[in-house]
Amino acid sequence: MENKEKEVLLKVRGAKTYFPIKKGLMKRTVGYVKAVDDISLDVYKGETLGLVGESGCGKTTTGRSIIKLYNITGGNVIFKGTRIAAGLKSYKEAIAKAAASRDAAQREVEKLNQVSLKDRTRDPDFGKKLEAAQTKSNSEQEAYLGIQKEAAEEAQKLAATYRQMAQLYNRTKELTQSI
């Protein structure tokens, strides 16, 4: 049986994990360490995947990013058809794409609503066309709102993670200074 016929359990597309390099008194980001840069892979049902590479090449970071111990910077991680991780850039792109689809569907409804009564009566399928356009517009709006909600939830999780990391850092600093 070829892989195309097997169920994909895990799909990783364009995964990136970058860590900021901070310098100065204000701890400004001056660059990034690209620990994982554009990895794509599929793991099929009944198969095992092994990552092999030199020390420091990103094997562990890749695994930790896939299981969400690290937040990915870009790309998508999909497990059993459900996106479980996405970089903020991926969300921005998905929101832009959903907004474009929503706007196109809304323009189609507006275009049909501008058709004169005379032209509407000439087209026996006009009612079906308008209803289909309105249904598509509503569906696209729901998709747009859904991806926005998902992105906002992911941003909140990311902010909470950063707060926890800051608290841990401060507590560690306090403990090391008291020694």
Foldseek 3Di string as FASTA:
>chain_A
DDPVPFAWFKWWFQWWAWDFQFDDPVRDGPDIDTLDGTDTDTDTPPDDDDDDDDPSNNPVVVVCCLVPVGATQATFMAGNRRTPHGHLVNLVVQLVVLVVQLVVLVVQLVVLVPDDPVVCVVDPCSVVSNVVSVVSNVVSVVSNVVSVVVSVVVVVVVVVVVVVVVVVVVVVVVVVVVD
